[in-house]
Amino acid sequence: MKAIKWDSVSAKTVMIMLVLAMVLVTACSSSNTASNPPSQSAAADQAATSSGGSSPSASGEELPHVELIWYYGIGATQPDQQKVEDAANEYLAKNTNLNVTLRLKPLNYGGEYNDKMNPIIASREKFDIMWTTAAWVNLYQPLIDKGALMPLDDLLEKYAPKTRHDIMPESYWDSIRSPGDNKIYAIFSLQIAASPKGFAFQKRFVDKYNFDLSTVKTTKDIEPFLKTIKENEKDIIPLAFPNIGGNGPFYPDNIGATGSMFYYKNDPYKAINRENTPEYKEYLDLIHDWYEKGYVYQDLATVQDFSQLQAKGNIAVTAEQGIFPGSDATIASRSNNEPMYTVAITPPLFSGANGTMNGISTTSANPERAMMLLELVNTDKDFYRILCYGIEGTHYTLDNGIYKPIPDGGYAPNIDWVFGNTFNGYIKEGQPLDLIEQTKKMNAEAEVPPALGFNFDTSAYQTEIAATRSVWDEFVPGLETGTYDPAVYYPKFIDARNKAGQQKLDDALKEQLADWVAKNVKK
């Protein structure tokens, strides 16, 4: 082909061609913009970049409206639940640019939460946020293993930077990373993360019978008080606690725990099966003896909602898994406001940040917006307080900044620790004014398990997990409440667990721990 010489083409012709090309490019660009507006994700990126994850940029695209559904646990149905949801949405509309309508879906955590969440998750129902715990209900790691929770590392960085970097130390995040991929799948509801275990005693009975609480050093030491209550207070339950396994007064001073791993404190890098220890068998014998003597509530194994039983205010002693600053007032609020004394019989042990958390469902159509909402919950005191306490003047009053629920006000769920950062809450009547400072101090000074950061990867053992869990549900409520005679049922429990695959799980746990120790513990 011959090269075209410039002088063979008129300048006028070339200019016309260039103009036409520019017109075509402009038209195509305009057409693409009109037919393909910025995605929600792109708009959310603009929002998070400009506002720290809480509201859109004034100069950026307005976020399209979305509805977010949040499932979480609650102790008892609240009559004014809808009023509080409406108040939360009014706050979102007036004070943020998230353009979100929030649908709150509380489920009773006394049994209903698992029963209803399991089919919701299995059916892949579309929702956005769910509450999860490490060892109680809607269990965190199994949710990850079954693909129900979304990894949050990138979402936290983009849409919740304050929650990710300003609220909690990095060690807290490390303690909830999944062992399978080392990713974060939930946000800890910042609160006490280390606390001693012990008992709460109703003050009226301690004072009436002049019981010396300083004598309580071990679980066995409360027996004289239980005996006194049984013999003198016919309408009072001497001892009760939630029947979900692990909530009874099993407090051996030589056994520690981190995550789902138990160990003897003199050999902290060797995992033990708690239920196979002589200390556990001794506990079962003790609690059964107390049950036979009438010290333990006789129907405890079948109680579906312990909060309703406790709310009557007729339990003299409850076993408590956390004796923390201000716990006297917290426990009293669950017990018909009967004043309490609390006694710790174990040292505070840092438990990690996996006690109560919120994650984003893999079925969520709007994970960016869900994360932005969680950022708001954890950083905006006013919004958090609506969820926790409802409407001031309707559901509660403030007396010099102290929260007081209005009797029969319609909303007092007492679940600050479900929603998010409890340091954004109110001080409650009876709690120390420096509660937050005391809590932070206890968190900082608590004993740290040597294997903190190790998490058992159960993803390859789902069959065994499901089978052993079924055995647990069959036997443990009866055994740990004293209802079942351990001489008869304990051997059956151990045999059934072994047949379900417990030994395979124990061997895998020990192998993974050994690998973790080899990589992380300096000789």
Protein backbone atom coordinates (compact mmCIF):
# COMPACT_ATOMS: atom_id res chain seq x y z
CA MET A 1 0.00 0.00 0.00
CA LYS A 2 1.26 3.42 -0.91
CA ALA A 3 1.60 5.98 1.82
CA ILE A 4 -0.88 8.79 1.52
CA LYS A 5 0.75 12.10 1.09
CA TRP A 6 -0.60 14.98 3.17
CA ASP A 7 -0.84 17.17 0.17
CA SER A 8 -3.17 14.65 -1.52
CA VAL A 9 -5.87 15.11 1.18
CA SER A 10 -7.43 18.47 1.83
CA ALA A 11 -7.10 19.91 5.34
CA LYS A 12 -10.81 20.64 5.27
CA THR A 13 -11.67 16.95 4.81
CA VAL A 14 -9.46 15.90 7.73
CA MET A 15 -11.00 18.45 10.06
CA ILE A 16 -14.51 17.21 9.23
CA MET A 17 -13.47 13.63 10.00
CA LEU A 18 -11.98 14.62 13.38
CA VAL A 19 -15.10 16.53 14.41
CA LEU A 20 -17.33 13.58 13.49
CA ALA A 21 -15.15 11.22 15.53
CA MET A 22 -15.37 13.48 18.59
CA VAL A 23 -19.15 13.65 18.26
CA LEU A 24 -19.39 9.85 18.10
CA VAL A 25 -17.18 9.38 21.17
CA THR A 26 -19.20 11.90 23.16
CA ALA A 27 -22.47 10.26 22.14
CA CYS A 28 -21.25 6.79 23.12
CA SER A 29 -20.03 8.09 26.46
CA SER A 30 -23.37 9.77 27.19
CA SER A 31 -25.26 6.64 26.17
CA ASN A 32 -23.17 4.42 28.51
CA THR A 33 -23.66 6.79 31.42
CA ALA A 34 -27.41 6.88 30.94
CA SER A 35 -27.86 3.12 30.64
CA ASN A 36 -25.26 2.11 33.27
CA PRO A 37 -25.46 4.35 36.35
CA PRO A 38 -22.88 3.87 39.15
CA SER A 39 -23.39 0.62 41.05
CA GLN A 40 -24.53 0.57 44.67
CA SER A 41 -21.08 -0.69 45.56
CA ALA A 42 -19.43 2.23 43.78
CA ALA A 43 -21.76 4.69 45.47
CA ALA A 44 -21.08 3.09 48.82
CA ASP A 45 -17.33 3.31 48.13
CA GLN A 46 -17.77 7.05 47.58
CA ALA A 47 -19.76 7.26 50.80
CA ALA A 48 -17.29 5.40 52.93
CA THR A 49 -14.27 7.21 51.52
CA SER A 50 -15.75 10.62 52.20
CA SER A 51 -17.35 9.98 55.55
CA GLY A 52 -15.48 7.30 57.44
CA GLY A 53 -18.08 4.71 56.57
CA SER A 54 -21.22 6.30 57.98
CA SER A 55 -22.82 8.55 55.36
CA PRO A 56 -22.53 9.45 51.67
CA SER A 57 -20.53 12.30 50.32
CA ALA A 58 -22.40 15.55 49.90
CA SER A 59 -21.02 15.77 46.37
CA GLY A 60 -21.26 12.07 45.51
CA GLU A 61 -24.08 9.90 44.24
CA GLU A 62 -27.04 9.50 46.59
CA LEU A 63 -27.23 5.92 47.75
CA PRO A 64 -30.27 4.03 46.44
CA HIS A 65 -32.75 3.05 49.12
CA VAL A 66 -32.38 -0.44 50.60
CA GLU A 67 -33.99 -2.45 53.37
CA LEU A 68 -31.76 -4.26 55.86
CA ILE A 69 -32.94 -7.19 58.00
CA TRP A 70 -31.20 -7.90 61.31
CA TYR A 71 -31.80 -11.10 63.29
CA TYR A 72 -30.65 -11.12 66.92
CA GLY A 73 -31.36 -12.74 70.28
CA ILE A 74 -33.52 -11.28 73.01
CA GLY A 75 -34.60 -12.45 76.45
CA ALA A 76 -38.29 -11.58 76.22
CA THR A 77 -40.69 -10.08 73.68
CA GLN A 78 -40.91 -6.31 73.97
CA PRO A 79 -44.42 -4.81 73.57
CA ASP A 80 -43.05 -1.61 72.00
CA GLN A 81 -40.68 -3.35 69.58
CA GLN A 82 -42.31 -1.67 66.57
CA LYS A 83 -42.16 1.78 68.17
CA VAL A 84 -38.44 1.36 68.70
CA GLU A 85 -37.90 0.15 65.15
CA ASP A 86 -39.79 3.21 63.91
CA ALA A 87 -37.67 5.48 66.12
CA ALA A 88 -34.47 3.90 64.80
CA ASN A 89 -35.57 4.46 61.21
CA GLU A 90 -36.57 8.02 61.95
CA TYR A 91 -33.09 8.62 63.34
CA LEU A 92 -31.48 7.05 60.27
CA ALA A 93 -33.57 9.24 57.96
CA LYS A 94 -32.93 12.49 59.83
CA ASN A 95 -29.32 12.08 60.91
CA THR A 96 -27.61 9.98 58.24
CA ASN A 97 -27.54 9.68 54.48
CA LEU A 98 -27.47 5.88 54.51
CA ASN A 99 -30.95 5.72 52.89
CA VAL A 100 -31.70 2.53 54.81
CA THR A 101 -34.86 1.11 56.33
CA LEU A 102 -33.94 -1.25 59.15
CA ARG A 103 -36.11 -4.25 59.99
CA LEU A 104 -35.36 -5.62 63.45
CA LYS A 105 -36.05 -9.34 63.92
CA PRO A 106 -35.54 -10.31 67.60
CA LEU A 107 -35.84 -14.00 68.47
CA ASN A 108 -35.85 -15.44 71.97
CA TYR A 109 -32.37 -16.77 72.72
CA GLY A 110 -33.72 -19.30 75.22
CA GLY A 111 -34.25 -21.83 72.41
CA GLU A 112 -36.19 -20.06 69.69
CA TYR A 113 -33.12 -18.40 68.22
CA ASN A 114 -31.44 -21.62 67.14
CA ASP A 115 -34.72 -23.28 66.21
CA LYS A 116 -35.67 -20.46 63.84
CA MET A 117 -32.26 -19.40 62.58
CA ASN A 118 -31.26 -22.89 61.46
CA PRO A 119 -34.00 -23.23 58.81
CA ILE A 120 -33.60 -19.58 57.80
CA ILE A 121 -29.92 -20.17 57.11
CA ALA A 122 -30.45 -23.58 55.51
CA SER A 123 -33.06 -22.23 53.09
CA ARG A 124 -30.75 -19.37 52.05
CA GLU A 125 -33.34 -16.78 53.02
CA LYS A 126 -32.20 -13.28 52.10
CA PHE A 127 -31.33 -11.16 55.11
CA ASP A 128 -28.40 -9.00 56.11
CA ILE A 129 -27.12 -9.12 59.69
CA MET A 130 -27.20 -11.86 62.30
CA TRP A 131 -26.09 -12.16 65.89
CA THR A 132 -23.78 -15.05 66.71
CA THR A 133 -21.81 -16.36 69.69
CA ALA A 134 -18.80 -18.60 70.12
CA ALA A 135 -20.26 -21.16 72.52
CA TRP A 136 -23.88 -20.39 73.21
CA VAL A 137 -26.36 -20.02 70.33
CA ASN A 138 -26.05 -19.69 66.53
CA LEU A 139 -22.44 -20.75 66.84
CA TYR A 140 -19.84 -18.63 65.05
CA GLN A 141 -17.40 -21.17 63.61
CA PRO A 142 -20.09 -23.60 62.38
CA LEU A 143 -21.77 -20.67 60.62
CA ILE A 144 -18.49 -19.95 58.86
CA ASP A 145 -18.01 -23.60 57.98
CA LYS A 146 -21.44 -23.86 56.36
CA GLY A 147 -20.92 -20.66 54.35
CA ALA A 148 -23.51 -18.56 56.19
CA LEU A 149 -21.23 -15.67 57.19
CA MET A 150 -19.39 -13.35 54.85
CA PRO A 151 -15.68 -12.55 55.37
CA LEU A 152 -15.51 -8.95 56.58
CA ASP A 153 -11.85 -7.91 56.29
CA ASP A 154 -12.27 -5.77 53.17
CA LEU A 155 -15.70 -4.48 54.18
CA LEU A 156 -14.36 -3.37 57.56
CA GLU A 157 -11.51 -1.44 55.95
CA LYS A 158 -13.78 0.33 53.43
CA TYR A 159 -17.00 0.91 55.32
CA ALA A 160 -16.21 0.60 59.05
CA PRO A 161 -12.69 1.99 59.57
CA LYS A 162 -13.45 3.39 63.02
CA THR A 163 -14.80 0.08 64.24
CA ARG A 164 -11.87 -1.75 62.70
CA HIS A 165 -9.03 0.47 63.91
CA ASP A 166 -10.18 2.77 66.71
CA ILE A 167 -12.41 0.70 68.99
CA MET A 168 -10.61 -2.57 69.72
CA PRO A 169 -6.98 -3.69 70.02
CA GLU A 170 -5.68 -5.89 67.21
CA SER A 171 -5.51 -8.86 69.59
CA TYR A 172 -9.32 -8.79 69.81
CA TRP A 173 -9.61 -9.16 66.05
CA ASP A 174 -6.98 -11.90 66.03
CA SER A 175 -9.00 -13.86 68.59
CA ILE A 176 -11.99 -14.14 66.24
CA ARG A 177 -10.18 -14.95 63.00
CA SER A 178 -11.34 -18.21 61.44
CA PRO A 179 -8.58 -20.82 61.46
CA GLY A 180 -9.47 -21.97 57.95
CA ASP A 181 -8.50 -18.77 56.16
CA ASN A 182 -7.45 -16.38 58.96
CA LYS A 183 -10.29 -14.00 58.09
CA ILE A 184 -12.69 -12.04 60.29
CA TYR A 185 -16.38 -12.97 59.97
CA ALA A 186 -18.04 -10.90 62.71
CA ILE A 187 -17.73 -7.80 64.88
CA PHE A 188 -17.40 -8.24 68.63
CA SER A 189 -19.88 -6.31 70.76
CA LEU A 190 -17.20 -4.52 72.75
CA GLN A 191 -17.73 -5.19 76.44
CA ILE A 192 -16.07 -7.09 79.23
CA ALA A 193 -13.80 -9.61 77.50
CA ALA A 194 -12.32 -11.06 80.64
CA SER A 195 -14.08 -11.75 83.88
CA PRO A 196 -14.05 -14.13 86.82
CA LYS A 197 -16.80 -16.66 87.34
CA GLY A 198 -18.83 -17.10 90.48
CA PHE A 199 -22.25 -16.58 92.05
CA ALA A 200 -24.90 -13.90 92.55
CA PHE A 201 -26.74 -13.98 95.90
CA GLN A 202 -29.94 -12.14 96.66
CA LYS A 203 -29.01 -9.53 99.24
CA ARG A 204 -32.20 -9.93 101.27
CA PHE A 205 -31.39 -13.55 102.13
CA VAL A 206 -27.71 -13.00 102.76
CA ASP A 207 -28.61 -10.24 105.21
CA LYS A 208 -31.51 -12.13 106.77
CA TYR A 209 -29.44 -15.22 107.57
CA ASN A 210 -26.17 -13.36 108.15
CA PHE A 211 -24.32 -15.53 105.65
CA ASP A 212 -20.61 -14.74 105.45
CA LEU A 213 -19.81 -14.41 101.75
CA SER A 214 -16.08 -14.34 102.49
CA THR A 215 -16.30 -18.09 103.12
CA VAL A 216 -17.18 -18.74 99.46
CA LYS A 217 -13.95 -19.80 97.77
CA THR A 218 -15.17 -22.82 95.75
CA THR A 219 -18.46 -24.10 94.39
CA LYS A 220 -18.94 -26.44 97.37
CA ASP A 221 -18.84 -23.49 99.77
CA ILE A 222 -22.33 -22.28 98.83
CA GLU A 223 -24.01 -25.47 100.10
CA PRO A 224 -24.71 -24.18 103.65
CA PHE A 225 -26.54 -21.18 102.19
CA LEU A 226 -28.56 -23.39 99.81
CA LYS A 227 -29.51 -25.63 102.73
CA THR A 228 -30.69 -22.63 104.75
CA ILE A 229 -32.86 -21.37 101.90
CA LYS A 230 -34.36 -24.81 101.28
CA GLU A 231 -35.29 -25.22 104.94
CA ASN A 232 -36.64 -21.73 105.58
CA GLU A 233 -37.92 -20.18 102.32
CA LYS A 234 -40.50 -22.50 100.82
CA ASP A 235 -41.33 -20.27 97.83
CA ILE A 236 -37.73 -19.57 96.90
CA ILE A 237 -35.54 -21.59 94.53
CA PRO A 238 -32.14 -22.06 96.20
CA LEU A 239 -30.05 -22.39 92.99
CA ALA A 240 -30.72 -22.07 89.26
CA PHE A 241 -28.92 -21.16 86.03
CA PRO A 242 -29.49 -21.48 82.26
CA ASN A 243 -29.56 -25.14 81.26
CA ILE A 244 -27.51 -24.61 78.09
CA GLY A 245 -24.34 -26.64 78.65
CA GLY A 246 -21.49 -24.79 80.31
CA ASN A 247 -23.62 -22.40 82.38
CA GLY A 248 -23.55 -24.34 85.63
CA PRO A 249 -21.11 -23.79 88.51
CA PHE A 250 -18.24 -25.85 87.08
CA TYR A 251 -15.35 -23.71 88.31
CA PRO A 252 -12.22 -25.84 88.82
CA ASP A 253 -9.25 -23.62 89.57
CA ASN A 254 -6.79 -25.81 87.66
CA ILE A 255 -8.54 -25.81 84.26
CA GLY A 256 -8.36 -22.94 81.78
CA ALA A 257 -9.97 -22.31 78.42
CA THR A 258 -9.40 -20.38 75.24
CA GLY A 259 -12.08 -20.50 72.59
CA SER A 260 -13.36 -24.07 72.50
CA MET A 261 -10.12 -25.52 73.88
CA PHE A 262 -9.67 -26.56 77.51
CA TYR A 263 -6.33 -27.24 79.19
CA TYR A 264 -4.76 -27.84 82.57
CA LYS A 265 -3.05 -24.65 83.63
CA ASN A 266 0.19 -26.45 84.39
CA ASP A 267 0.28 -27.75 80.78
CA PRO A 268 -1.43 -25.03 78.70
CA TYR A 269 -0.40 -26.29 75.25
CA LYS A 270 -2.02 -29.69 75.68
CA ALA A 271 -5.73 -29.79 74.87
CA ILE A 272 -8.01 -31.81 77.12
CA ASN A 273 -11.61 -32.92 76.71
CA ARG A 274 -13.39 -31.13 79.54
CA GLU A 275 -16.13 -33.74 79.82
CA ASN A 276 -13.59 -36.56 80.23
CA THR A 277 -11.84 -35.02 83.25
CA PRO A 278 -12.29 -36.22 86.83
CA GLU A 279 -13.10 -32.60 87.76
CA TYR A 280 -16.14 -32.64 85.47
CA LYS A 281 -17.36 -35.97 86.84
CA GLU A 282 -16.95 -34.60 90.39
CA TYR A 283 -19.06 -31.59 89.43
CA LEU A 284 -21.83 -33.79 88.03
CA ASP A 285 -21.89 -35.81 91.25
CA LEU A 286 -22.12 -32.63 93.34
CA ILE A 287 -24.88 -31.00 91.31
CA HIS A 288 -26.90 -34.25 91.29
CA ASP A 289 -26.56 -34.49 95.07
CA TRP A 290 -27.86 -30.91 95.35
CA TYR A 291 -30.71 -31.73 92.99
CA GLU A 292 -31.69 -34.71 95.10
CA LYS A 293 -31.69 -32.49 98.21
CA GLY A 294 -33.94 -29.95 96.47
CA TYR A 295 -31.32 -27.21 96.24
CA VAL A 296 -31.51 -27.03 92.44
CA TYR A 297 -34.73 -26.03 90.65
CA GLN A 298 -36.39 -29.35 89.88
CA ASP A 299 -37.57 -28.47 86.35
CA LEU A 300 -34.37 -26.69 85.33
CA ALA A 301 -33.42 -29.16 82.57
CA THR A 302 -36.60 -28.37 80.62
CA VAL A 303 -36.73 -24.58 81.06
CA GLN A 304 -36.99 -23.04 77.60
CA ASP A 305 -36.49 -19.43 78.65
CA PHE A 306 -34.41 -18.93 81.76
CA SER A 307 -34.91 -15.16 81.65
CA GLN A 308 -38.61 -15.61 82.36
CA LEU A 309 -37.87 -17.82 85.35
CA GLN A 310 -35.25 -15.39 86.63
CA ALA A 311 -37.53 -12.39 86.14
CA LYS A 312 -39.80 -13.63 88.95
CA GLY A 313 -37.09 -12.70 91.45
CA ASN A 314 -37.40 -15.92 93.44
CA ILE A 315 -33.97 -17.50 92.83
CA ALA A 316 -31.68 -17.11 95.84
CA VAL A 317 -28.43 -17.93 93.99
CA THR A 318 -27.51 -17.98 90.32
CA ALA A 319 -24.30 -19.35 88.82
CA GLU A 320 -22.63 -16.59 86.80
CA GLN A 321 -20.13 -17.00 83.97
CA GLY A 322 -19.01 -13.39 84.33
CA ILE A 323 -18.63 -11.37 87.50
CA PHE A 324 -17.68 -8.01 86.07
CA PRO A 325 -17.79 -4.37 87.17
CA GLY A 326 -21.42 -3.44 87.68
CA SER A 327 -22.69 -7.03 87.40
CA ASP A 328 -24.62 -6.68 90.68
CA ALA A 329 -26.96 -4.18 89.05
CA THR A 330 -27.14 -6.08 85.76
CA ILE A 331 -28.15 -9.32 87.45
CA ALA A 332 -30.62 -7.48 89.68
CA SER A 333 -32.31 -6.02 86.60
CA ARG A 334 -32.93 -9.57 85.36
CA SER A 335 -34.25 -10.66 88.77
CA ASN A 336 -37.22 -8.37 89.40
CA ASN A 337 -34.73 -5.73 90.58
CA GLU A 338 -33.87 -7.68 93.73
CA PRO A 339 -30.53 -6.28 95.03
CA MET A 340 -27.58 -8.66 94.63
CA TYR A 341 -24.21 -9.49 96.05
CA THR A 342 -21.74 -11.12 93.67
CA VAL A 343 -18.79 -13.30 94.59
CA ALA A 344 -16.06 -14.32 92.15
CA ILE A 345 -14.27 -17.59 92.78
CA THR A 346 -11.97 -17.66 89.74
CA PRO A 347 -9.42 -15.08 88.56
CA PRO A 348 -10.32 -13.00 85.49
CA LEU A 349 -9.29 -14.80 82.32
CA PHE A 350 -9.19 -13.06 78.95
CA SER A 351 -11.73 -14.95 76.87
CA GLY A 352 -11.13 -13.31 73.53
CA ALA A 353 -13.55 -11.21 71.55
CA ASN A 354 -15.91 -13.95 70.46
CA GLY A 355 -18.56 -13.97 73.18
CA THR A 356 -21.28 -12.05 71.36
CA MET A 357 -20.89 -10.76 67.80
CA ASN A 358 -22.73 -9.62 64.68
CA GLY A 359 -21.90 -10.81 61.19
CA ILE A 360 -23.21 -10.27 57.67
CA SER A 361 -25.12 -13.05 55.93
CA THR A 362 -23.80 -14.39 52.64
CA THR A 363 -27.35 -13.96 51.34
CA SER A 364 -27.25 -10.19 51.90
CA ALA A 365 -27.86 -8.18 48.73
CA ASN A 366 -26.30 -5.10 50.35
CA PRO A 367 -23.27 -6.11 52.43
CA GLU A 368 -21.64 -2.69 52.01
CA ARG A 369 -24.68 -0.95 53.47
CA ALA A 370 -24.96 -3.55 56.23
CA MET A 371 -21.38 -2.83 57.22
CA MET A 372 -22.02 0.91 57.18
CA LEU A 373 -24.96 0.34 59.52
CA LEU A 374 -22.79 -1.72 61.88
CA GLU A 375 -20.23 1.08 61.83
CA LEU A 376 -23.01 3.44 62.91
CA VAL A 377 -24.16 1.10 65.69
CA ASN A 378 -20.63 0.88 67.08
CA THR A 379 -19.69 4.56 66.79
CA ASP A 380 -22.91 6.60 67.13
CA LYS A 381 -24.05 6.67 70.77
CA ASP A 382 -27.50 8.08 70.01
CA PHE A 383 -28.39 5.41 67.47
CA TYR A 384 -26.99 2.61 69.64
CA ARG A 385 -29.01 3.85 72.62
CA ILE A 386 -32.27 3.75 70.66
CA LEU A 387 -31.71 0.06 69.96
CA CYS A 388 -30.73 -0.69 73.55
CA TYR A 389 -33.13 1.47 75.55
CA GLY A 390 -35.87 2.75 73.25
CA ILE A 391 -37.28 6.27 73.53
CA GLU A 392 -36.38 8.58 76.40
CA GLY A 393 -39.45 9.62 78.36
CA THR A 394 -41.46 6.69 77.01
CA HIS A 395 -39.30 3.73 77.89
CA TYR A 396 -36.73 5.20 80.28
CA THR A 397 -35.64 8.29 82.15
CA LEU A 398 -32.22 9.72 82.90
CA ASP A 399 -31.35 10.87 86.40
CA ASN A 400 -28.03 12.74 86.23
CA GLY A 401 -27.15 10.56 83.27
CA ILE A 402 -28.14 7.30 85.01
CA TYR A 403 -30.50 5.06 83.01
CA LYS A 404 -33.74 4.02 84.72
CA PRO A 405 -36.32 1.92 82.83
CA ILE A 406 -39.91 3.06 83.24
CA PRO A 407 -41.90 0.22 84.89
CA ASP A 408 -44.12 -1.45 82.28
CA GLY A 409 -42.81 1.09 79.77
CA GLY A 410 -42.93 -1.40 76.92
CA TYR A 411 -39.23 -1.66 76.08
CA ALA A 412 -36.39 -2.72 78.37
CA PRO A 413 -34.66 -5.68 76.69
CA ASN A 414 -31.44 -5.42 78.71
CA ILE A 415 -29.31 -6.68 75.82
CA ASP A 416 -26.79 -3.87 75.25
CA TRP A 417 -24.20 -6.59 74.59
CA VAL A 418 -26.17 -7.95 71.63
CA PHE A 419 -26.16 -4.83 69.45
CA GLY A 420 -22.59 -3.55 69.62
CA ASN A 421 -20.12 -1.39 71.52
CA THR A 422 -21.44 -1.37 75.10
CA PHE A 423 -19.11 1.49 76.02
CA ASN A 424 -21.59 3.70 74.13
CA GLY A 425 -24.38 2.79 76.55
CA TYR A 426 -25.73 4.42 79.67
CA ILE A 427 -24.63 3.69 83.21
CA LYS A 428 -27.49 1.87 84.94
CA GLU A 429 -28.81 2.39 88.42
CA GLY A 430 -26.56 0.59 90.89
CA GLN A 431 -23.55 0.45 88.56
CA PRO A 432 -20.36 2.37 89.41
CA LEU A 433 -20.02 5.70 87.64
CA ASP A 434 -16.58 4.65 86.41
CA LEU A 435 -17.92 1.38 85.00
CA ILE A 436 -16.23 1.78 81.62
CA GLU A 437 -12.85 2.55 83.16
CA GLN A 438 -13.15 -0.45 85.51
CA THR A 439 -14.13 -2.71 82.61
CA LYS A 440 -11.22 -1.57 80.46
CA LYS A 441 -8.88 -2.13 83.41
CA MET A 442 -10.13 -5.67 83.98
CA ASN A 443 -9.80 -6.46 80.27
CA ALA A 444 -6.24 -5.17 80.28
CA GLU A 445 -5.14 -6.93 83.47
CA ALA A 446 -6.80 -10.31 82.98
CA GLU A 447 -4.83 -13.51 82.68
CA VAL A 448 -4.16 -14.27 79.01
CA PRO A 449 -4.34 -17.94 77.96
CA PRO A 450 -0.97 -19.00 76.53
CA ALA A 451 -2.64 -20.39 73.39
CA LEU A 452 -4.76 -17.29 72.74
CA GLY A 453 -5.10 -16.94 68.99
CA PHE A 454 -5.41 -20.66 68.36
CA ASN A 455 -8.76 -21.59 66.87
CA PHE A 456 -9.84 -25.12 66.05
CA ASP A 457 -10.62 -25.49 62.34
CA THR A 458 -13.67 -27.77 62.24
CA SER A 459 -14.51 -27.29 58.56
CA ALA A 460 -13.47 -30.87 57.67
CA TYR A 461 -15.45 -32.39 60.54
CA GLN A 462 -18.99 -31.18 60.07
CA THR A 463 -20.48 -34.67 60.27
CA GLU A 464 -18.80 -35.28 63.62
CA ILE A 465 -19.69 -31.80 64.88
CA ALA A 466 -23.38 -32.33 64.09
CA ALA A 467 -23.45 -35.83 65.57
CA THR A 468 -21.67 -34.92 68.82
CA ARG A 469 -23.81 -31.80 69.18
CA SER A 470 -26.91 -33.96 69.00
CA VAL A 471 -25.54 -36.16 71.77
CA TRP A 472 -24.68 -33.07 73.80
CA ASP A 473 -28.22 -31.73 73.49
CA GLU A 474 -29.62 -35.08 74.57
CA PHE A 475 -27.54 -35.56 77.72
CA VAL A 476 -25.88 -32.38 78.96
CA PRO A 477 -28.90 -30.32 80.11
CA GLY A 478 -29.98 -33.24 82.30
CA LEU A 479 -26.48 -33.99 83.59
CA GLU A 480 -25.33 -30.42 84.30
CA THR A 481 -28.53 -29.47 86.12
CA GLY A 482 -28.33 -32.55 88.33
CA THR A 483 -31.54 -34.01 86.92
CA TYR A 484 -29.82 -37.13 85.57
CA ASP A 485 -27.98 -39.49 87.88
CA PRO A 486 -24.39 -39.42 86.57
CA ALA A 487 -23.84 -42.97 87.78
CA VAL A 488 -26.32 -44.01 85.09
CA TYR A 489 -26.21 -41.33 82.41
CA TYR A 490 -22.61 -40.15 82.38
CA PRO A 491 -21.24 -43.45 80.95
CA LYS A 492 -24.04 -43.40 78.36
CA PHE A 493 -23.12 -39.83 77.43
CA ILE A 494 -19.44 -40.61 76.98
CA ASP A 495 -20.19 -43.77 74.97
CA ALA A 496 -22.64 -41.96 72.70
CA ARG A 497 -20.17 -39.14 72.10
CA ASN A 498 -17.41 -41.55 71.20
CA LYS A 499 -19.69 -43.33 68.74
CA ALA A 500 -20.60 -39.93 67.24
CA GLY A 501 -16.95 -39.15 66.51
CA GLN A 502 -15.70 -37.28 69.56
CA GLN A 503 -12.32 -39.02 69.54
CA LYS A 504 -11.76 -37.97 65.93
CA LEU A 505 -12.44 -34.36 66.93
CA ASP A 506 -10.16 -34.60 69.96
CA ASP A 507 -7.32 -36.02 67.85
CA ALA A 508 -7.74 -33.31 65.21
CA LEU A 509 -7.77 -30.59 67.88
CA LYS A 510 -4.56 -31.88 69.42
CA GLU A 511 -2.86 -32.15 66.02
CA GLN A 512 -3.84 -28.61 65.01
CA LEU A 513 -2.76 -27.24 68.37
CA ALA A 514 0.63 -28.92 68.05
CA ASP A 515 1.09 -27.35 64.61
CA TRP A 516 0.07 -23.94 65.97
CA VAL A 517 2.47 -24.22 68.91
CA ALA A 518 5.32 -25.20 66.60
CA LYS A 519 4.74 -22.09 64.50
CA ASN A 520 3.84 -19.56 67.19
CA VAL A 521 5.50 -20.45 70.50
CA LYS A 522 9.13 -19.63 71.02
CA LYS A 523 11.10 -22.44 72.60
